[in-house]
Amino acid sequence: MSTTALVADRIEIADLFTRFALLLDERRWDDVGTVFTDDVAVESPRIHVRGIDKVVDFLQESEVDGEQTQHTNTDLLVEVDGDQAAVSANSIVYYFREGQSPHQTGGLRQISTVVRTPAGWRISETRIVPGWVRQV
């Protein structure tokens, strides 16, 4: 794989994780297919599911009235191997109500497998490992 292609893949994968964070913050559940494969597997202490429909059901059921989030990603590591990549990132999630400071903040590690599809890179597996929670 050429260096140019590798750099392009890494940029697209970084954008994928940014789009995922924004999708969560904006609660755009109809757009989940733009970041996940149809048969995605998601694992965390709160969810163990396979399939995009089950992920959407979980996200909708997890909504808290009036609560908003801001997801930030950092320390993105990407190892591309052809049409698949191992990706991990640290995330900090801020939970807040409109116009107020966050009442909760949490740090986590996301470990994922992403695959190249005809529509672009998509997350096919992800494991979310909470690190800490701070409540105010």
N, C-alpha and C. Protein backbone atom coordinates (compact mmCIF):
# COMPACT_ATOMS: atom_id res chain seq x y z
N MET A 1 0.85 -1.17 0.00
CA MET A 1 0.00 0.00 0.00
C MET A 1 0.90 1.24 0.00
N SER A 2 0.56 2.19 -0.84
CA SER A 2 1.37 3.40 -0.93
C SER A 2 1.18 4.26 0.33
N THR A 3 2.17 5.09 0.58
CA THR A 3 2.10 5.99 1.73
C THR A 3 0.91 6.93 1.59
N THR A 4 0.65 7.40 0.38
CA THR A 4 -0.49 8.30 0.14
C THR A 4 -1.81 7.61 0.48
N ALA A 5 -1.96 6.36 0.05
CA ALA A 5 -3.20 5.62 0.34
C ALA A 5 -3.33 5.36 1.84
N LEU A 6 -2.24 5.02 2.49
CA LEU A 6 -2.27 4.77 3.93
C LEU A 6 -2.67 6.03 4.70
N VAL A 7 -2.11 7.16 4.32
CA VAL A 7 -2.46 8.43 4.97
C VAL A 7 -3.93 8.75 4.74
N ALA A 8 -4.41 8.55 3.52
CA ALA A 8 -5.83 8.80 3.20
C ALA A 8 -6.73 7.91 4.05
N ASP A 9 -6.37 6.63 4.18
CA ASP A 9 -7.17 5.71 5.01
C ASP A 9 -7.19 6.17 6.47
N ARG A 10 -6.04 6.56 7.00
CA ARG A 10 -5.97 7.01 8.39
C ARG A 10 -6.82 8.26 8.61
N ILE A 11 -6.82 9.18 7.67
CA ILE A 11 -7.65 10.39 7.78
C ILE A 11 -9.12 10.02 7.75
N GLU A 12 -9.52 9.12 6.84
CA GLU A 12 -10.92 8.71 6.76
C GLU A 12 -11.37 8.01 8.04
N ILE A 13 -10.49 7.21 8.62
CA ILE A 13 -10.83 6.50 9.86
C ILE A 13 -10.94 7.49 11.03
N ALA A 14 -10.05 8.46 11.09
CA ALA A 14 -10.16 9.49 12.12
C ALA A 14 -11.48 10.25 11.97
N ASP A 15 -11.84 10.58 10.74
CA ASP A 15 -13.13 11.24 10.48
C ASP A 15 -14.30 10.36 10.91
N LEU A 16 -14.19 9.05 10.70
CA LEU A 16 -15.23 8.12 11.11
C LEU A 16 -15.50 8.23 12.61
N PHE A 17 -14.43 8.28 13.40
CA PHE A 17 -14.60 8.38 14.86
C PHE A 17 -15.17 9.75 15.27
N THR A 18 -14.81 10.79 14.55
CA THR A 18 -15.39 12.11 14.82
C THR A 18 -16.88 12.11 14.46
N ARG A 19 -17.23 11.52 13.32
CA ARG A 19 -18.64 11.44 12.92
C ARG A 19 -19.44 10.63 13.92
N PHE A 20 -18.84 9.56 14.47
CA PHE A 20 -19.52 8.76 15.49
C PHE A 20 -19.80 9.59 16.73
N ALA A 21 -18.82 10.34 17.20
CA ALA A 21 -19.01 11.19 18.38
C ALA A 21 -20.12 12.22 18.15
N LEU A 22 -20.10 12.87 16.99
CA LEU A 22 -21.13 13.87 16.69
C LEU A 22 -22.52 13.23 16.57
N LEU A 23 -22.58 12.05 15.99
CA LEU A 23 -23.85 11.33 15.87
C LEU A 23 -24.44 11.07 17.26
N LEU A 24 -23.58 10.66 18.20
CA LEU A 24 -24.06 10.43 19.56
C LEU A 24 -24.54 11.73 20.21
N ASP A 25 -23.77 12.80 20.07
CA ASP A 25 -24.13 14.07 20.69
C ASP A 25 -25.41 14.66 20.10
N GLU A 26 -25.61 14.45 18.81
CA GLU A 26 -26.78 15.02 18.13
C GLU A 26 -27.96 14.06 18.08
N ARG A 27 -27.79 12.85 18.62
CA ARG A 27 -28.83 11.83 18.68
C ARG A 27 -29.44 11.56 17.29
N ARG A 28 -28.58 11.42 16.31
CA ARG A 28 -29.03 11.14 14.94
C ARG A 28 -29.05 9.63 14.71
N TRP A 29 -29.98 8.94 15.35
CA TRP A 29 -30.02 7.49 15.30
C TRP A 29 -30.28 6.96 13.91
N ASP A 30 -30.94 7.73 13.06
CA ASP A 30 -31.17 7.29 11.68
C ASP A 30 -29.88 7.23 10.87
N ASP A 31 -28.82 7.85 11.36
CA ASP A 31 -27.54 7.89 10.64
C ASP A 31 -26.53 6.87 11.17
N VAL A 32 -26.94 5.98 12.06
CA VAL A 32 -26.01 5.01 12.65
C VAL A 32 -25.34 4.17 11.56
N GLY A 33 -26.03 3.92 10.47
CA GLY A 33 -25.46 3.15 9.36
C GLY A 33 -24.31 3.85 8.66
N THR A 34 -24.11 5.13 8.94
CA THR A 34 -22.98 5.84 8.33
C THR A 34 -21.69 5.62 9.11
N VAL A 35 -21.78 4.98 10.28
CA VAL A 35 -20.57 4.70 11.07
C VAL A 35 -20.40 3.21 11.38
N PHE A 36 -21.47 2.43 11.36
CA PHE A 36 -21.40 1.01 11.70
C PHE A 36 -21.76 0.13 10.50
N THR A 37 -21.22 -1.10 10.50
CA THR A 37 -21.69 -2.10 9.56
C THR A 37 -23.04 -2.63 10.07
N ASP A 38 -23.80 -3.27 9.19
CA ASP A 38 -25.12 -3.79 9.59
C ASP A 38 -25.01 -4.83 10.69
N ASP A 39 -23.92 -5.60 10.70
CA ASP A 39 -23.77 -6.67 11.69
C ASP A 39 -22.79 -6.31 12.81
N VAL A 40 -22.68 -5.02 13.11
CA VAL A 40 -21.74 -4.53 14.13
C VAL A 40 -21.94 -5.27 15.45
N ALA A 41 -20.83 -5.50 16.13
CA ALA A 41 -20.87 -6.06 17.48
C ALA A 41 -20.39 -4.99 18.45
N VAL A 42 -21.20 -4.69 19.47
CA VAL A 42 -20.86 -3.67 20.46
C VAL A 42 -20.85 -4.32 21.84
N GLU A 43 -19.76 -4.06 22.57
CA GLU A 43 -19.61 -4.63 23.90
C GLU A 43 -19.14 -3.55 24.88
N SER A 44 -19.83 -3.47 25.99
CA SER A 44 -19.44 -2.58 27.09
C SER A 44 -20.10 -3.15 28.35
N PRO A 45 -19.83 -2.55 29.50
CA PRO A 45 -20.53 -3.03 30.70
C PRO A 45 -22.06 -2.89 30.59
N ARG A 46 -22.54 -1.99 29.74
CA ARG A 46 -23.98 -1.73 29.64
C ARG A 46 -24.65 -2.40 28.45
N ILE A 47 -23.87 -2.91 27.49
CA ILE A 47 -24.48 -3.45 26.27
C ILE A 47 -23.60 -4.53 25.67
N HIS A 48 -24.23 -5.61 25.23
CA HIS A 48 -23.58 -6.69 24.48
C HIS A 48 -24.55 -7.07 23.37
N VAL A 49 -24.41 -6.49 22.20
CA VAL A 49 -25.35 -6.75 21.12
C VAL A 49 -24.61 -6.91 19.79
N ARG A 50 -25.31 -7.55 18.85
CA ARG A 50 -24.83 -7.64 17.48
C ARG A 50 -25.99 -7.18 16.58
N GLY A 51 -25.68 -6.28 15.67
CA GLY A 51 -26.67 -5.81 14.72
C GLY A 51 -27.00 -4.34 14.95
N ILE A 52 -27.07 -3.63 13.86
CA ILE A 52 -27.27 -2.19 13.91
C ILE A 52 -28.62 -1.83 14.55
N ASP A 53 -29.65 -2.62 14.29
CA ASP A 53 -30.97 -2.33 14.87
C ASP A 53 -30.94 -2.41 16.40
N LYS A 54 -30.21 -3.37 16.94
CA LYS A 54 -30.12 -3.50 18.39
C LYS A 54 -29.31 -2.36 19.00
N VAL A 55 -28.31 -1.88 18.27
CA VAL A 55 -27.55 -0.73 18.74
C VAL A 55 -28.46 0.50 18.80
N VAL A 56 -29.24 0.71 17.75
CA VAL A 56 -30.16 1.86 17.72
C VAL A 56 -31.18 1.75 18.86
N ASP A 57 -31.73 0.57 19.07
CA ASP A 57 -32.69 0.38 20.17
C ASP A 57 -32.06 0.77 21.50
N PHE A 58 -30.83 0.31 21.74
CA PHE A 58 -30.13 0.63 22.98
C PHE A 58 -29.93 2.14 23.13
N LEU A 59 -29.48 2.79 22.07
CA LEU A 59 -29.23 4.24 22.12
C LEU A 59 -30.51 5.01 22.43
N GLN A 60 -31.60 4.63 21.79
CA GLN A 60 -32.87 5.31 22.03
C GLN A 60 -33.35 5.09 23.46
N GLU A 61 -33.22 3.86 23.95
CA GLU A 61 -33.66 3.56 25.32
C GLU A 61 -32.78 4.22 26.37
N SER A 62 -31.55 4.57 26.01
CA SER A 62 -30.61 5.16 26.97
C SER A 62 -30.74 6.67 27.10
N GLU A 63 -31.53 7.28 26.24
CA GLU A 63 -31.68 8.73 26.29
C GLU A 63 -32.26 9.17 27.63
N VAL A 64 -31.70 10.24 28.18
CA VAL A 64 -32.20 10.83 29.41
C VAL A 64 -32.79 12.19 29.05
N ASP A 65 -34.06 12.39 29.38
CA ASP A 65 -34.75 13.64 29.02
C ASP A 65 -33.98 14.86 29.51
N GLY A 66 -33.69 15.77 28.61
CA GLY A 66 -33.04 17.03 28.95
C GLY A 66 -31.53 16.94 29.08
N GLU A 67 -30.98 15.73 29.06
CA GLU A 67 -29.53 15.58 29.19
C GLU A 67 -28.88 15.56 27.81
N GLN A 68 -27.78 16.29 27.69
CA GLN A 68 -27.02 16.32 26.46
C GLN A 68 -25.62 15.80 26.74
N THR A 69 -24.91 15.45 25.66
CA THR A 69 -23.55 14.96 25.81
C THR A 69 -22.62 15.68 24.84
N GLN A 70 -21.36 15.68 25.20
CA GLN A 70 -20.30 16.12 24.30
C GLN A 70 -19.19 15.08 24.39
N HIS A 71 -19.00 14.34 23.30
CA HIS A 71 -17.97 13.30 23.22
C HIS A 71 -16.73 13.90 22.58
N THR A 72 -15.59 13.66 23.18
CA THR A 72 -14.32 14.08 22.59
C THR A 72 -13.42 12.85 22.47
N ASN A 73 -12.70 12.74 21.36
CA ASN A 73 -11.78 11.62 21.13
C ASN A 73 -10.36 12.15 21.09
N THR A 74 -9.45 11.35 21.60
CA THR A 74 -8.04 11.72 21.58
C THR A 74 -7.21 10.44 21.52
N ASP A 75 -5.94 10.60 21.26
CA ASP A 75 -4.99 9.48 21.25
C ASP A 75 -5.44 8.35 20.33
N LEU A 76 -5.93 8.72 19.15
CA LEU A 76 -6.39 7.74 18.16
C LEU A 76 -5.20 6.98 17.60
N LEU A 77 -5.24 5.66 17.72
CA LEU A 77 -4.23 4.79 17.13
C LEU A 77 -4.87 3.96 16.04
N VAL A 78 -4.28 3.95 14.85
CA VAL A 78 -4.84 3.26 13.70
C VAL A 78 -3.77 2.37 13.09
N GLU A 79 -4.07 1.07 12.96
CA GLU A 79 -3.19 0.13 12.29
C GLU A 79 -3.95 -0.48 11.12
N VAL A 80 -3.69 0.02 9.92
CA VAL A 80 -4.39 -0.43 8.72
C VAL A 80 -3.72 -1.69 8.19
N ASP A 81 -4.55 -2.68 7.85
CA ASP A 81 -4.08 -3.91 7.23
C ASP A 81 -5.03 -4.24 6.08
N GLY A 82 -4.75 -3.67 4.92
CA GLY A 82 -5.62 -3.88 3.77
C GLY A 82 -6.95 -3.19 3.95
N ASP A 83 -8.03 -4.00 3.92
CA ASP A 83 -9.38 -3.45 4.05
C ASP A 83 -9.93 -3.53 5.47
N GLN A 84 -9.03 -3.68 6.42
CA GLN A 84 -9.42 -3.74 7.83
C GLN A 84 -8.41 -2.95 8.63
N ALA A 85 -8.84 -2.42 9.77
CA ALA A 85 -7.92 -1.69 10.64
C ALA A 85 -8.29 -1.91 12.09
N ALA A 86 -7.26 -1.98 12.93
CA ALA A 86 -7.45 -2.00 14.38
C ALA A 86 -7.31 -0.56 14.85
N VAL A 87 -8.30 -0.09 15.58
CA VAL A 87 -8.34 1.32 16.00
C VAL A 87 -8.66 1.39 17.48
N SER A 88 -7.98 2.29 18.17
CA SER A 88 -8.33 2.54 19.56
C SER A 88 -8.24 4.04 19.82
N ALA A 89 -9.01 4.49 20.78
CA ALA A 89 -9.03 5.92 21.11
C ALA A 89 -9.45 6.09 22.56
N ASN A 90 -8.95 7.14 23.18
CA ASN A 90 -9.46 7.58 24.46
C ASN A 90 -10.59 8.55 24.20
N SER A 91 -11.59 8.54 25.05
CA SER A 91 -12.71 9.47 24.93
C SER A 91 -13.04 10.05 26.29
N ILE A 92 -13.43 11.29 26.28
CA ILE A 92 -14.01 11.93 27.46
C ILE A 92 -15.41 12.35 27.06
N VAL A 93 -16.37 12.02 27.92
CA VAL A 93 -17.76 12.35 27.64
C VAL A 93 -18.26 13.27 28.76
N TYR A 94 -18.80 14.40 28.35
CA TYR A 94 -19.38 15.38 29.27
C TYR A 94 -20.90 15.26 29.19
N TYR A 95 -21.57 15.15 30.33
CA TYR A 95 -23.02 15.09 30.42
C TYR A 95 -23.50 16.39 31.04
N PHE A 96 -24.43 17.07 30.37
CA PHE A 96 -24.85 18.38 30.84
C PHE A 96 -26.29 18.66 30.43
N ARG A 97 -26.83 19.70 31.01
CA ARG A 97 -28.15 20.21 30.62
C ARG A 97 -27.94 21.57 29.97
N GLU A 98 -28.79 21.91 29.05
CA GLU A 98 -28.67 23.15 28.27
C GLU A 98 -28.30 24.33 29.16
N GLY A 99 -27.20 25.01 28.82
CA GLY A 99 -26.79 26.22 29.52
C GLY A 99 -26.13 25.99 30.87
N GLN A 100 -25.91 24.73 31.24
CA GLN A 100 -25.31 24.43 32.55
C GLN A 100 -23.97 23.71 32.37
N SER A 101 -23.16 23.79 33.40
CA SER A 101 -21.90 23.05 33.41
C SER A 101 -22.18 21.56 33.50
N PRO A 102 -21.24 20.73 33.08
CA PRO A 102 -21.46 19.28 33.17
C PRO A 102 -21.70 18.83 34.61
N HIS A 103 -22.66 17.92 34.77
CA HIS A 103 -22.93 17.32 36.07
C HIS A 103 -22.25 15.96 36.20
N GLN A 104 -21.72 15.47 35.08
CA GLN A 104 -20.98 14.20 35.10
C GLN A 104 -20.00 14.20 33.95
N THR A 105 -18.83 13.61 34.18
CA THR A 105 -17.82 13.46 33.15
C THR A 105 -17.26 12.05 33.28
N GLY A 106 -16.99 11.44 32.14
CA GLY A 106 -16.44 10.09 32.19
C GLY A 106 -15.35 9.91 31.15
N GLY A 107 -14.38 9.08 31.48
CA GLY A 107 -13.31 8.74 30.56
C GLY A 107 -13.39 7.28 30.19
N LEU A 108 -13.13 6.97 28.92
CA LEU A 108 -13.21 5.59 28.47
C LEU A 108 -12.20 5.33 27.35
N ARG A 109 -11.99 4.07 27.08
CA ARG A 109 -11.16 3.63 25.97
C ARG A 109 -12.05 2.85 25.02
N GLN A 110 -11.98 3.18 23.74
CA GLN A 110 -12.75 2.48 22.72
C GLN A 110 -11.77 1.70 21.85
N ILE A 111 -12.00 0.38 21.74
CA ILE A 111 -11.14 -0.50 20.96
C ILE A 111 -12.01 -1.10 19.86
N SER A 112 -11.63 -0.86 18.62
CA SER A 112 -12.52 -1.21 17.51
C SER A 112 -11.80 -1.88 16.35
N THR A 113 -12.59 -2.60 15.59
CA THR A 113 -12.17 -3.08 14.27
C THR A 113 -13.03 -2.32 13.27
N VAL A 114 -12.38 -1.74 12.27
CA VAL A 114 -13.11 -1.05 11.21
C VAL A 114 -12.78 -1.74 9.90
N VAL A 115 -13.75 -1.70 8.99
CA VAL A 115 -13.58 -2.35 7.70
C VAL A 115 -13.94 -1.38 6.58
N ARG A 116 -13.26 -1.58 5.45
CA ARG A 116 -13.57 -0.78 4.26
C ARG A 116 -14.79 -1.40 3.59
N THR A 117 -15.80 -0.59 3.34
CA THR A 117 -17.01 -1.02 2.65
C THR A 117 -17.15 -0.18 1.38
N PRO A 118 -18.07 -0.53 0.50
CA PRO A 118 -18.29 0.31 -0.69
C PRO A 118 -18.68 1.75 -0.33
N ALA A 119 -19.25 1.94 0.86
CA ALA A 119 -19.65 3.28 1.30
C ALA A 119 -18.57 3.98 2.12
N GLY A 120 -17.42 3.33 2.31
CA GLY A 120 -16.34 3.91 3.12
C GLY A 120 -16.07 3.05 4.35
N TRP A 121 -15.18 3.53 5.21
CA TRP A 121 -14.82 2.80 6.42
C TRP A 121 -15.99 2.79 7.39
N ARG A 122 -16.22 1.63 8.02
CA ARG A 122 -17.29 1.48 9.01
C ARG A 122 -16.76 0.66 10.18
N ILE A 123 -17.31 0.91 11.37
CA ILE A 123 -16.96 0.15 12.57
C ILE A 123 -17.72 -1.17 12.52
N SER A 124 -16.98 -2.29 12.61
CA SER A 124 -17.63 -3.60 12.59
C SER A 124 -17.67 -4.24 13.99
N GLU A 125 -16.75 -3.84 14.85
CA GLU A 125 -16.73 -4.30 16.24
C GLU A 125 -16.20 -3.18 17.09
N THR A 126 -16.77 -3.02 18.27
CA THR A 126 -16.21 -2.04 19.20
C THR A 126 -16.42 -2.51 20.63
N ARG A 127 -15.41 -2.29 21.42
CA ARG A 127 -15.47 -2.60 22.85
C ARG A 127 -15.19 -1.30 23.60
N ILE A 128 -16.07 -0.96 24.50
CA ILE A 128 -15.95 0.28 25.26
C ILE A 128 -15.56 -0.09 26.69
N VAL A 129 -14.43 0.44 27.13
CA VAL A 129 -13.90 0.12 28.45
C VAL A 129 -13.88 1.40 29.29
N PRO A 130 -14.83 1.53 30.23
CA PRO A 130 -14.85 2.72 31.08
C PRO A 130 -13.58 2.80 31.93
N GLY A 131 -13.09 4.01 32.10
CA GLY A 131 -11.92 4.22 32.94
C GLY A 131 -12.26 4.89 34.25
N TRP A 132 -13.11 5.92 34.20
CA TRP A 132 -13.45 6.67 35.40
C TRP A 132 -14.72 7.48 35.15
N VAL A 133 -15.36 7.87 36.24
CA VAL A 133 -16.54 8.74 36.21
C VAL A 133 -16.39 9.76 37.33
N ARG A 134 -16.71 11.00 37.02
CA ARG A 134 -16.71 12.06 38.04
C ARG A 134 -18.07 12.72 38.02
N GLN A 135 -18.75 12.69 39.13
CA GLN A 135 -20.05 13.35 39.26
C GLN A 135 -19.87 14.59 40.12
N VAL A 136 -20.53 15.67 39.70
CA VAL A 136 -20.43 16.93 40.42
C VAL A 136 -21.65 17.09 41.30
